Amino acid sequence: FAMNGWSSAGLSYDDFYPGDAEVDIIGFARLNRNNPWQDYKLTFLDYIRKMQSEVTRAKPILITQTGSVESGGKRPGWLNDMFSGLKAEEQVIGAIYFNKSRDTTAGVTYNFMITGNSSQPALIAGYQSWAAPSANAWIFDGRMDAWVDDREDRFPFLDTVGSSFEQDILWMVAQGITSGCDANHFCPNQAVTRGQMATFLNRALGLPAASRDWFDDDNGSVHEDAINRLAESGVTGGCGTRAFCPNQSLTRAQMATFLARAYSLGNSPTNWFTDDDGIVHEPNINRVAEARVTLGCGGSHYCPWDAVTRGQMAAFLHRADSA
């Protein structure tokens, strides 16, 4: 239950409260518009204390909407103060950041956007440090009769927030398929290598151990074990005599063959694309299209020789696993 206007003179939160049976969480919205600049206390703390004094029930508090303008580079500090302050409040279980540019009826624009600018690391670091006493972050799951626990780490990497592949990357993290290209990054725009693809597939499928060493050019590679498991399972025959080419970029055509074999995708009666006619991967490209793992790169084209990025690979894997 979050009510606009309750802080106005003469209004009490309890005057409008519908009753404990109807309410799981109480909340309020606060935005720092810089008219004048508001620190953590003015933005949040006075409102939290007012709510605690007017609502006698110990309901969890959710900041239902918040945001701050940039104002000469002060926003990262505001975000740091917000998270430090809010996570010290036992009743506060979370906050929703208003990542928008807002035009008012008075013709004033308030830009609260943080995605892709210097404030983004502060927001992500603050989110990752949040540890509410209840150990719960709450989201509404789309049904009017239920709230669900959300234990998923929303921002495991600094470079995936706002990416069209973000949910697929989060799925990979949740499944233990990836830990990123370093501790804080996924590198979604980097080309995925054949060696990395082997590791992704091995982790996704839990392939059995190999009985022998299949290739010579992967000796000492961190991906060697996964490559051997892939070969043992019949997913790959390599790129030549006792060669796998682990450091080569994976093409979209090769990706199709790996996924079609690994996930045993069904055959397709349809010739989906015109730019793969006659190539060895064509049947498998049609198989991944039939399974809706990919619908190509535009029109009737598949772009079989283009490199696959790590972000695209996350989406392909997620779709194949769900096919």
Protein backbone atom coordinates (compact mmCIF):
# COMPACT_ATOMS: atom_id res chain seq x y z
CA PHE A 1 0.00 0.00 0.00
CA ALA A 2 1.67 3.20 -1.21
CA MET A 3 -0.38 6.38 -1.11
CA ASN A 4 0.45 9.64 -2.82
CA GLY A 5 -0.12 12.79 -0.78
CA TRP A 6 -0.16 11.25 2.69
CA SER A 7 2.63 13.53 3.88
CA SER A 8 0.59 16.67 3.18
CA ALA A 9 -0.49 18.79 6.12
CA GLY A 10 -3.42 17.33 8.01
CA LEU A 11 -3.23 13.87 6.40
CA SER A 12 -2.32 10.75 8.34
CA TYR A 13 -1.23 7.48 6.71
CA ASP A 14 -3.59 5.66 9.08
CA ASP A 15 -6.52 7.71 7.79
CA PHE A 16 -6.23 5.89 4.46
CA TYR A 17 -4.80 2.52 5.52
CA PRO A 18 -7.20 -0.25 4.30
CA GLY A 19 -6.33 -2.76 7.02
CA ASP A 20 -3.77 -5.47 7.77
CA ALA A 21 -5.71 -8.15 5.88
CA GLU A 22 -5.31 -6.19 2.65
CA VAL A 23 -1.68 -5.11 3.00
CA ASP A 24 1.59 -7.04 2.87
CA ILE A 25 3.96 -4.11 2.33
CA ILE A 26 3.70 -0.37 2.87
CA GLY A 27 5.60 2.08 0.73
CA PHE A 28 6.23 5.60 -0.48
CA ALA A 29 7.93 7.34 -3.40
CA ARG A 30 10.62 10.02 -3.12
CA LEU A 31 12.55 11.76 -5.92
CA ASN A 32 15.49 14.17 -5.59
CA ARG A 33 14.74 16.84 -8.19
CA ASN A 34 17.37 19.32 -6.93
CA ASN A 35 14.90 22.05 -6.05
CA PRO A 36 16.75 22.30 -3.69
CA TRP A 37 19.22 19.41 -3.57
CA GLN A 38 18.14 16.79 -1.03
CA ASP A 39 20.53 14.53 0.87
CA TYR A 40 19.59 11.07 2.18
CA LYS A 41 17.94 12.44 5.33
CA LEU A 42 15.68 14.86 3.49
CA THR A 43 14.88 12.36 0.74
CA PHE A 44 14.13 9.29 2.83
CA LEU A 45 14.78 9.33 6.55
CA ASP A 46 12.18 11.91 7.59
CA TYR A 47 9.55 10.02 5.62
CA ILE A 48 10.54 6.65 7.09
CA ARG A 49 10.29 8.05 10.62
CA LYS A 50 6.94 9.69 9.87
CA MET A 51 5.61 6.41 8.50
CA GLN A 52 6.88 4.50 11.52
CA SER A 53 5.18 6.96 13.87
CA GLU A 54 1.85 6.91 12.04
CA VAL A 55 1.62 3.22 11.13
CA THR A 56 1.84 1.15 14.29
CA ARG A 57 2.04 -2.18 12.45
CA ALA A 58 5.52 -3.52 11.70
CA LYS A 59 4.96 -3.93 7.98
CA PRO A 60 7.94 -4.13 5.62
CA ILE A 61 8.63 -0.83 3.82
CA LEU A 62 9.39 -0.64 0.11
CA ILE A 63 10.61 2.55 -1.56
CA THR A 64 8.21 2.24 -4.49
CA GLN A 65 9.91 4.86 -6.64
CA THR A 66 13.08 6.85 -6.22
CA GLY A 67 15.61 8.67 -8.33
CA SER A 68 17.98 11.61 -8.40
CA VAL A 69 19.06 14.13 -11.00
CA GLU A 70 22.77 14.41 -11.76
CA SER A 71 23.39 18.00 -10.59
CA GLY A 72 27.06 18.44 -11.38
CA GLY A 73 28.23 14.92 -10.61
CA LYS A 74 26.66 14.62 -7.16
CA ARG A 75 24.36 11.71 -7.97
CA PRO A 76 26.89 8.83 -7.38
CA GLY A 77 27.43 10.11 -3.84
CA TRP A 78 23.67 10.37 -3.35
CA LEU A 79 23.28 6.75 -4.47
CA ASN A 80 26.00 5.59 -2.08
CA ASP A 81 24.32 7.42 0.80
CA MET A 82 20.92 6.02 -0.21
CA PHE A 83 22.05 2.39 -0.08
CA SER A 84 24.12 2.84 3.08
CA GLY A 85 21.20 4.49 4.82
CA LEU A 86 18.35 2.30 3.60
CA LYS A 87 20.05 -1.02 4.27
CA ALA A 88 20.56 0.07 7.87
CA GLU A 89 16.78 0.37 8.27
CA GLU A 90 15.43 -3.00 9.40
CA GLN A 91 11.94 -2.40 8.00
CA VAL A 92 13.11 -1.32 4.53
CA ILE A 93 13.31 -4.33 2.21
CA GLY A 94 14.07 -2.65 -1.10
CA ALA A 95 13.85 0.28 -3.47
CA ILE A 96 12.78 0.72 -7.08
CA TYR A 97 14.93 3.18 -9.03
CA PHE A 98 13.05 5.37 -11.55
CA ASN A 99 15.45 5.06 -14.50
CA LYS A 100 13.68 7.60 -16.70
CA SER A 101 13.76 11.16 -17.99
CA ARG A 102 10.57 12.81 -16.80
CA ASP A 103 8.82 15.82 -18.32
CA THR A 104 6.39 17.63 -16.02
CA THR A 105 3.22 19.52 -16.91
CA ALA A 106 5.13 22.71 -16.07
CA GLY A 107 7.58 22.02 -18.87
CA VAL A 108 10.46 21.02 -16.58
CA THR A 109 12.56 17.93 -17.44
CA TYR A 110 13.99 15.80 -14.65
CA ASN A 111 16.58 13.32 -15.93
CA PHE A 112 16.94 10.44 -13.49
CA MET A 113 18.62 8.12 -16.03
CA ILE A 114 21.68 6.22 -14.77
CA THR A 115 22.08 3.47 -17.40
CA GLY A 116 25.30 3.94 -19.36
CA ASN A 117 26.66 6.90 -17.38
CA SER A 118 28.98 7.51 -14.45
CA SER A 119 26.21 6.83 -11.92
CA GLN A 120 25.61 3.25 -13.06
CA PRO A 121 28.55 1.66 -11.14
CA ALA A 122 27.37 3.36 -7.94
CA LEU A 123 23.86 1.98 -8.39
CA ILE A 124 25.10 -1.53 -9.12
CA ALA A 125 27.62 -1.52 -6.26
CA GLY A 126 24.93 -0.30 -3.89
CA TYR A 127 22.48 -2.96 -5.03
CA GLN A 128 25.07 -5.72 -4.65
CA SER A 129 25.89 -4.54 -1.12
CA TRP A 130 22.27 -4.56 -0.01
CA ALA A 131 21.59 -7.22 2.62
CA ALA A 132 18.23 -6.60 4.24
CA PRO A 133 17.80 -8.34 7.62
CA SER A 134 14.99 -10.45 6.11
CA ALA A 135 17.39 -11.63 3.36
CA ASN A 136 14.56 -11.05 0.91
CA ALA A 137 14.13 -8.81 -2.07
CA TRP A 138 10.53 -8.63 -3.21
CA ILE A 139 8.99 -8.34 -6.65
CA PHE A 140 5.38 -8.57 -7.78
CA ASP A 141 5.01 -11.63 -9.98
CA GLY A 142 2.11 -10.37 -12.07
CA ARG A 143 -0.71 -11.99 -10.08
CA MET A 144 -2.96 -9.92 -7.84
CA ASP A 145 -2.91 -12.53 -5.09
CA ALA A 146 0.75 -13.31 -4.56
CA TRP A 147 4.17 -11.86 -3.91
CA VAL A 148 7.24 -13.93 -4.62
CA ASP A 149 10.73 -14.08 -3.21
CA ASP A 150 13.29 -12.93 -5.72
CA ARG A 151 16.73 -14.22 -4.81
CA GLU A 152 18.22 -13.58 -8.24
CA ASP A 153 21.11 -11.17 -8.29
CA ARG A 154 19.84 -8.56 -10.73
CA PHE A 155 23.20 -7.00 -11.57
CA PRO A 156 26.01 -9.57 -11.55
CA PHE A 157 27.99 -7.65 -14.19
CA LEU A 158 28.69 -3.99 -14.80
CA ASP A 159 28.36 -4.26 -18.59
CA THR A 160 25.02 -6.07 -19.01
CA VAL A 161 22.50 -3.70 -17.41
CA GLY A 162 20.09 -2.63 -20.13
CA SER A 163 21.42 -5.15 -22.64
CA SER A 164 18.82 -6.90 -24.79
CA PHE A 165 20.49 -10.14 -23.65
CA GLU A 166 20.42 -9.30 -19.92
CA GLN A 167 17.79 -11.89 -18.97
CA ASP A 168 19.58 -14.59 -20.95
CA ILE A 169 22.87 -13.73 -19.25
CA LEU A 170 21.17 -13.82 -15.85
CA TRP A 171 19.83 -17.27 -16.74
CA MET A 172 23.37 -18.44 -17.57
CA VAL A 173 24.62 -17.15 -14.21
CA ALA A 174 21.76 -18.82 -12.33
CA GLN A 175 22.50 -22.13 -14.10
CA GLY A 176 26.21 -21.94 -13.27
CA ILE A 177 27.12 -21.77 -16.96
CA THR A 178 29.19 -18.59 -16.72
CA SER A 179 30.96 -16.42 -14.20
CA GLY A 180 31.77 -13.75 -16.77
CA CYS A 181 34.95 -12.71 -18.53
CA ASP A 182 36.23 -11.32 -15.22
CA ALA A 183 34.79 -10.72 -11.76
CA ASN A 184 32.66 -7.74 -12.81
CA HIS A 185 32.10 -8.11 -16.55
CA PHE A 186 30.47 -10.49 -19.02
CA CYS A 187 31.85 -8.85 -22.21
CA PRO A 188 28.58 -9.34 -24.13
CA ASN A 189 29.92 -7.77 -27.34
CA GLN A 190 33.07 -9.90 -27.54
CA ALA A 191 33.12 -12.78 -30.01
CA VAL A 192 32.73 -16.12 -28.28
CA THR A 193 35.47 -18.64 -29.05
CA ARG A 194 35.04 -22.31 -29.89
CA GLY A 195 36.72 -23.17 -26.59
CA GLN A 196 34.32 -20.98 -24.60
CA MET A 197 31.39 -22.54 -26.44
CA ALA A 198 32.58 -25.99 -25.39
CA THR A 199 32.67 -24.92 -21.76
CA PHE A 200 29.24 -23.29 -21.94
CA LEU A 201 27.70 -26.43 -23.41
CA ASN A 202 29.45 -28.75 -20.97
CA ARG A 203 28.21 -26.74 -17.99
CA ALA A 204 24.70 -26.47 -19.41
CA LEU A 205 24.37 -30.19 -20.15
CA GLY A 206 26.67 -31.83 -17.60
CA LEU A 207 28.37 -34.02 -20.19
CA PRO A 208 30.13 -37.21 -19.02
CA ALA A 209 33.93 -37.31 -18.74
CA ALA A 210 35.89 -38.24 -21.85
CA SER A 211 37.83 -41.49 -22.11
CA ARG A 212 40.69 -39.98 -24.09
CA ASP A 213 42.33 -36.80 -25.35
CA TRP A 214 40.72 -36.00 -28.69
CA PHE A 215 42.78 -33.05 -29.92
CA ASP A 216 46.35 -31.72 -29.82
CA ASP A 217 45.82 -27.97 -30.18
CA ASP A 218 43.92 -27.56 -26.90
CA ASN A 219 46.58 -29.01 -24.60
CA GLY A 220 46.81 -26.89 -21.47
CA SER A 221 43.70 -24.85 -22.36
CA VAL A 222 41.23 -24.16 -19.56
CA HIS A 223 38.61 -25.50 -21.96
CA GLU A 224 40.41 -28.79 -22.74
CA ASP A 225 38.29 -30.98 -20.49
CA ALA A 226 35.03 -29.51 -21.85
CA ILE A 227 36.28 -29.88 -25.44
CA ASN A 228 37.04 -33.56 -24.88
CA ARG A 229 33.62 -34.12 -23.33
CA LEU A 230 31.99 -32.45 -26.34
CA ALA A 231 33.92 -34.68 -28.75
CA GLU A 232 33.19 -37.82 -26.73
CA SER A 233 29.47 -36.99 -26.85
CA GLY A 234 29.52 -36.61 -30.64
CA VAL A 235 28.78 -32.88 -30.59
CA THR A 236 31.97 -31.95 -32.45
CA GLY A 237 34.52 -33.59 -34.68
CA GLY A 238 36.89 -30.65 -34.49
CA CYS A 239 38.15 -28.37 -37.24
CA GLY A 240 40.70 -30.78 -38.77
CA THR A 241 42.88 -33.78 -37.99
CA ARG A 242 43.24 -33.83 -34.19
CA ALA A 243 42.51 -30.11 -34.13
CA PHE A 244 39.67 -28.21 -32.48
CA CYS A 245 40.79 -24.56 -33.08
CA PRO A 246 39.75 -23.50 -29.55
CA ASN A 247 40.78 -19.87 -29.94
CA GLN A 248 38.96 -19.25 -33.19
CA SER A 249 35.78 -17.18 -33.08
CA LEU A 250 32.65 -19.29 -33.30
CA THR A 251 30.59 -18.64 -36.41
CA ARG A 252 26.82 -18.64 -36.51
CA ALA A 253 26.93 -21.72 -38.74
CA GLN A 254 29.12 -23.65 -36.28
CA MET A 255 26.90 -22.50 -33.43
CA ALA A 256 23.88 -24.01 -35.16
CA THR A 257 25.60 -27.38 -35.53
CA PHE A 258 26.81 -27.42 -31.92
CA LEU A 259 23.33 -26.61 -30.57
CA ALA A 260 21.42 -28.92 -32.92
CA ARG A 261 23.62 -31.87 -31.93
CA ALA A 262 23.95 -31.03 -28.23
CA TYR A 263 20.22 -30.54 -27.68
CA SER A 264 19.10 -33.18 -30.22
CA LEU A 265 16.88 -30.70 -32.01
CA GLY A 266 14.43 -32.16 -34.47
CA ASN A 267 14.82 -32.04 -38.24
CA SER A 268 13.17 -29.26 -40.20
CA PRO A 269 11.09 -29.70 -43.37
CA THR A 270 11.60 -26.03 -44.17
CA ASN A 271 14.51 -24.29 -45.90
CA TRP A 272 14.51 -21.21 -43.73
CA PHE A 273 17.26 -19.10 -45.31
CA THR A 274 18.77 -18.33 -48.70
CA ASP A 275 22.36 -17.48 -47.76
CA ASP A 276 23.29 -20.92 -46.37
CA ASP A 277 22.33 -23.02 -49.39
CA GLY A 278 24.73 -25.89 -49.97
CA ILE A 279 26.93 -25.41 -46.90
CA VAL A 280 27.59 -28.33 -44.56
CA HIS A 281 25.79 -26.60 -41.68
CA GLU A 282 22.56 -25.92 -43.60
CA PRO A 283 20.50 -28.81 -42.13
CA ASN A 284 21.48 -27.76 -38.60
CA ILE A 285 20.76 -24.10 -39.29
CA ASN A 286 17.27 -25.16 -40.34
CA ARG A 287 16.96 -27.24 -37.16
CA VAL A 288 17.75 -24.29 -34.88
CA ALA A 289 15.35 -22.10 -36.85
CA GLU A 290 12.59 -24.72 -36.60
CA ALA A 291 13.13 -24.80 -32.83
CA ARG A 292 12.98 -20.98 -32.72
CA VAL A 293 16.48 -20.75 -31.29
CA THR A 294 17.13 -18.09 -33.93
CA LEU A 295 15.20 -16.60 -36.80
CA GLY A 296 18.24 -15.30 -38.64
CA CYS A 297 19.91 -11.94 -39.03
CA GLY A 298 17.23 -10.27 -41.15
CA GLY A 299 14.86 -11.13 -43.95
CA SER A 300 15.69 -14.52 -45.43
CA HIS A 301 19.31 -14.38 -44.25
CA TYR A 302 21.13 -16.25 -41.51
CA CYS A 303 24.64 -14.70 -41.92
CA PRO A 304 26.31 -18.09 -41.33
CA TRP A 305 29.88 -16.78 -41.35
CA ASP A 306 29.36 -13.92 -38.89
CA ALA A 307 30.96 -14.36 -35.48
CA VAL A 308 28.68 -15.00 -32.52
CA THR A 309 28.99 -12.56 -29.62
CA ARG A 310 28.88 -13.70 -26.00
CA GLY A 311 25.57 -11.89 -25.54
CA GLN A 312 24.05 -13.60 -28.58
CA MET A 313 25.39 -16.94 -27.35
CA ALA A 314 23.57 -16.44 -24.05
CA ALA A 315 20.28 -15.99 -25.92
CA PHE A 316 20.91 -18.97 -28.23
CA LEU A 317 21.74 -21.25 -25.30
CA HIS A 318 18.75 -20.11 -23.27
CA ARG A 319 16.36 -20.71 -26.17
CA ALA A 320 17.88 -24.08 -27.04
CA ASP A 321 17.63 -25.21 -23.42
CA SER A 322 13.94 -24.22 -23.43
CA ALA A 323 13.15 -25.76 -26.83
